């Protein structure tokens, strides 16, 4: 009696990418694509209604972050393993994804057969972190002891400035004008800040910023 195929759900906002992944995975009889989505909202509905063994998640989605989607999927469907897919290497995104519960992080330039192997590895409970990524993650975890005294220890100078302005109740648009940056740049920074601080909303950042400011007085 043959084993049941690995059930896969694909999340990417580009139809051609989803179609390519579906066709690639369909060539192997031990893999079965059971659904796909173009954004976070669709993905949460599809994955929670019929949890797959592996969810392939694009890091950047039109209505949110693939990292936050990963965290939500792992919370709602703990047996679903998440494999993050991205167009470029980004240590911050990689570490954020791992902290959110991802089992692997691969570039879209990966060879087809290697991606198939990655899906199988993740489905079996393995992970896809290279030595450099593992070392960087351990360094980030060690830094958490310092973060006990300074909750913003892992943030860059720009991110700290944005946190202070969020604490003042300013919107992304106003922060962008204040810092002479594009609003999209501020939005991307806020996403990274949430991931680094393991928070889910601007309100939480504002509260933490206020508490930190009061403690420093």
Protein backbone atom coordinates (compact mmCIF):
# COMPACT_ATOMS: atom_id res chain seq x y z
CA UNK A 1 0.00 0.00 0.00
CA UNK A 2 1.54 3.35 -1.08
CA UNK A 3 1.84 6.27 1.33
CA UNK A 4 -0.54 9.21 1.03
CA UNK A 5 0.93 12.09 -1.00
CA UNK A 6 2.28 15.21 0.68
CA UNK A 7 -0.48 17.81 0.52
CA UNK A 8 0.73 21.27 -0.50
CA UNK A 9 -0.89 24.73 -0.51
CA UNK A 10 0.70 27.53 -2.59
CA UNK A 11 0.51 31.24 -1.69
CA UNK A 12 1.90 33.76 -4.18
CA UNK A 13 0.38 36.89 -5.71
CA UNK A 14 1.66 36.05 -9.20
CA UNK A 15 -0.53 33.63 -11.13
CA UNK A 16 2.34 32.45 -13.33
CA UNK A 17 4.42 31.58 -10.27
CA UNK A 18 1.53 29.62 -8.74
CA UNK A 19 0.90 27.81 -12.02
CA UNK A 20 4.60 27.02 -12.40
CA UNK A 21 4.82 25.63 -8.88
CA UNK A 22 1.65 23.60 -9.36
CA UNK A 23 2.95 22.08 -12.61
CA UNK A 24 6.35 21.39 -11.06
CA UNK A 25 4.96 19.64 -7.99
CA UNK A 26 2.40 17.71 -10.05
CA UNK A 27 5.21 15.85 -11.84
CA UNK A 28 5.93 13.91 -8.65
CA UNK A 29 3.29 11.41 -7.60
CA UNK A 30 4.10 11.82 -3.91
CA UNK A 31 3.13 15.52 -3.93
CA UNK A 32 -0.39 16.92 -4.33
CA UNK A 33 -1.32 20.60 -4.59
CA UNK A 34 -4.66 20.92 -2.77
CA UNK A 35 -5.11 24.67 -3.06
CA UNK A 36 -3.62 28.06 -3.80
CA UNK A 37 -4.14 31.71 -2.89
CA UNK A 38 -2.96 35.11 -4.07
CA UNK A 39 -3.03 36.92 -0.73
CA UNK A 40 -3.08 36.53 3.05
CA UNK A 41 -6.88 36.65 3.41
CA UNK A 42 -7.49 33.91 0.82
CA UNK A 43 -4.66 31.83 2.23
CA UNK A 44 -5.97 31.86 5.80
CA UNK A 45 -9.38 30.68 4.65
CA UNK A 46 -8.03 27.95 2.38
CA UNK A 47 -5.38 26.65 4.77
CA UNK A 48 -7.52 26.62 7.91
CA UNK A 49 -10.47 24.97 6.14
CA UNK A 50 -8.28 22.18 4.77
CA UNK A 51 -4.85 22.17 6.45
CA UNK A 52 -2.06 20.97 4.13
CA UNK A 53 1.14 19.21 5.14
CA UNK A 54 3.21 22.02 3.64
CA UNK A 55 2.33 25.66 2.88
CA UNK A 56 4.63 27.41 0.40
CA UNK A 57 4.40 31.12 1.29
CA UNK A 58 5.70 34.11 -0.63
CA UNK A 59 7.38 36.51 1.82
CA UNK A 60 5.78 39.61 0.27
CA UNK A 61 2.04 39.60 -0.37
CA UNK A 62 -0.28 42.44 -1.44
CA UNK A 63 -2.28 42.52 1.80
CA UNK A 64 0.39 41.65 4.34
CA UNK A 65 3.56 39.81 5.19
CA UNK A 66 4.18 36.15 4.43
CA UNK A 67 6.03 36.01 7.75
CA UNK A 68 2.94 37.10 9.66
CA UNK A 69 0.89 34.63 7.61
CA UNK A 70 3.34 31.91 8.64
CA UNK A 71 2.90 32.82 12.32
CA UNK A 72 -0.89 32.69 11.96
CA UNK A 73 -0.83 29.39 10.09
CA UNK A 74 1.43 27.79 12.68
CA UNK A 75 -0.90 29.02 15.42
CA UNK A 76 -4.08 27.74 13.78
CA UNK A 77 -2.67 24.63 12.07
CA UNK A 78 0.34 23.39 14.08
CA UNK A 79 0.75 20.31 11.87
CA UNK A 80 1.25 22.44 8.75
CA UNK A 81 4.89 23.14 7.93
CA UNK A 82 5.69 26.47 6.25
CA UNK A 83 8.28 26.92 3.50
CA UNK A 84 9.02 30.59 2.76
CA UNK A 85 9.69 31.62 -0.84
CA UNK A 86 11.36 34.92 -1.74
CA UNK A 87 12.97 36.69 -4.68
CA UNK A 88 16.07 37.81 -2.79
CA UNK A 89 18.18 36.94 0.24
CA UNK A 90 17.30 38.96 3.34
CA UNK A 91 18.73 37.99 6.72
CA UNK A 92 16.13 39.99 8.65
CA UNK A 93 13.26 38.33 6.78
CA UNK A 94 14.86 34.92 7.18
CA UNK A 95 15.29 35.29 10.93
CA UNK A 96 11.79 36.73 11.30
CA UNK A 97 10.40 33.77 9.37
CA UNK A 98 12.21 31.28 11.59
CA UNK A 99 10.98 33.05 14.71
CA UNK A 100 7.46 32.84 13.25
CA UNK A 101 7.81 29.06 12.96
CA UNK A 102 8.91 28.55 9.35
CA UNK A 103 10.74 25.32 8.57
CA UNK A 104 12.63 26.67 5.58
CA UNK A 105 13.46 29.69 3.49
CA UNK A 106 14.32 29.34 -0.23
CA UNK A 107 14.95 31.73 -3.11
CA UNK A 108 12.70 31.68 -6.18
CA UNK A 109 15.83 31.07 -8.25
CA UNK A 110 16.06 27.57 -6.75
CA UNK A 111 16.21 24.68 -9.23
CA UNK A 112 12.90 22.88 -9.68
CA UNK A 113 14.09 19.52 -8.37
CA UNK A 114 15.69 21.21 -5.37
CA UNK A 115 12.37 22.85 -4.50
CA UNK A 116 10.65 19.47 -4.72
CA UNK A 117 13.27 18.08 -2.34
CA UNK A 118 12.76 21.06 -0.04
CA UNK A 119 9.02 20.37 0.15
CA UNK A 120 9.68 16.73 1.00
CA UNK A 121 12.24 17.70 3.66
CA UNK A 122 9.89 20.16 5.32
CA UNK A 123 6.96 17.72 5.16
CA UNK A 124 9.08 15.14 6.97
CA UNK A 125 9.74 17.57 9.80
CA UNK A 126 13.17 18.73 8.66
CA UNK A 127 14.40 22.27 8.20
CA UNK A 128 16.27 24.13 5.48
CA UNK A 129 18.62 26.46 7.31
CA UNK A 130 22.21 26.68 6.14
CA UNK A 131 25.12 27.07 8.58
CA UNK A 132 25.30 30.85 8.14
CA UNK A 133 21.59 31.28 8.82
CA UNK A 134 21.74 29.06 11.90
CA UNK A 135 24.66 31.06 13.29
CA UNK A 136 22.83 34.34 12.67
CA UNK A 137 19.71 33.01 14.40
CA UNK A 138 21.67 31.90 17.46
CA UNK A 139 23.28 35.34 17.65
CA UNK A 140 19.84 36.96 17.51
CA UNK A 141 18.58 34.67 20.30
CA UNK A 142 21.59 35.45 22.48
CA UNK A 143 20.84 39.12 21.96
CA UNK A 144 17.46 38.67 23.61
CA UNK A 145 19.11 38.79 27.03
CA UNK A 146 20.16 42.36 26.22
CA UNK A 147 16.67 43.07 24.93
CA UNK A 148 15.33 42.37 28.44
CA UNK A 149 16.84 45.71 29.47
CA UNK A 150 16.32 47.36 26.09
CA UNK A 151 13.33 45.90 24.19
CA UNK A 152 14.54 47.72 21.06
CA UNK A 153 18.12 46.40 21.19
CA UNK A 154 17.73 44.55 17.87
CA UNK A 155 16.42 47.57 15.97
CA UNK A 156 18.46 49.81 13.69
CA UNK A 157 18.77 53.54 14.41
CA UNK A 158 16.14 54.31 11.74
CA UNK A 159 13.76 51.69 13.16
CA UNK A 160 14.18 53.13 16.66
CA UNK A 161 13.28 56.58 15.34
CA UNK A 162 10.17 55.18 13.67
CA UNK A 163 9.18 53.45 16.92
CA UNK A 164 9.48 56.76 18.78
CA UNK A 165 7.23 58.46 16.22
CA UNK A 166 4.70 55.60 16.38
CA UNK A 167 4.72 56.15 20.14
CA UNK A 168 3.69 59.75 19.48
CA UNK A 169 0.66 58.43 17.61
CA UNK A 170 1.82 59.48 14.13
CA UNK A 171 0.63 57.72 10.97
CA UNK A 172 2.97 56.22 8.35
CA UNK A 173 2.26 59.18 6.06
CA UNK A 174 3.22 61.76 8.68
CA UNK A 175 6.26 59.74 9.75
CA UNK A 176 7.37 59.59 6.11
CA UNK A 177 7.12 63.39 5.77
CA UNK A 178 8.93 63.90 9.09
CA UNK A 179 11.80 61.60 8.03
CA UNK A 180 11.81 62.68 4.36
CA UNK A 181 11.20 59.10 3.19
CA UNK A 182 8.62 57.40 0.99
CA UNK A 183 5.52 56.16 2.78
CA UNK A 184 6.17 52.66 1.39
CA UNK A 185 9.64 52.72 2.99
CA UNK A 186 8.08 53.48 6.36
CA UNK A 187 5.52 50.72 5.88
CA UNK A 188 8.28 48.20 5.10
CA UNK A 189 10.21 49.32 8.17
CA UNK A 190 7.14 48.94 10.36
CA UNK A 191 6.71 45.38 9.07
CA UNK A 192 10.31 44.58 10.00
CA UNK A 193 9.90 46.22 13.41
CA UNK A 194 6.83 44.09 14.18
CA UNK A 195 8.72 40.96 13.16
CA UNK A 196 11.82 41.81 15.20
CA UNK A 197 9.79 42.63 18.30
CA UNK A 198 7.47 39.64 17.80
CA UNK A 199 4.46 41.95 17.88
CA UNK A 200 1.35 41.95 15.71
CA UNK A 201 0.18 45.57 15.62
CA UNK A 202 1.28 49.22 15.66
CA UNK A 203 -0.72 49.68 18.85
CA UNK A 204 1.52 47.18 20.65
CA UNK A 205 4.59 49.04 19.36
CA UNK A 206 3.16 52.35 20.62
CA UNK A 207 2.46 50.92 24.06
CA UNK A 208 5.96 49.42 24.29
CA UNK A 209 7.51 52.71 23.13
CA UNK A 210 5.57 54.64 25.76
CA UNK A 211 6.55 52.24 28.55
CA UNK A 212 10.19 52.35 27.47
CA UNK A 213 10.15 56.15 27.38
CA UNK A 214 8.63 56.38 30.86
CA UNK A 215 11.17 53.91 32.23
CA UNK A 216 14.01 56.02 30.84
CA UNK A 217 12.87 59.15 32.70
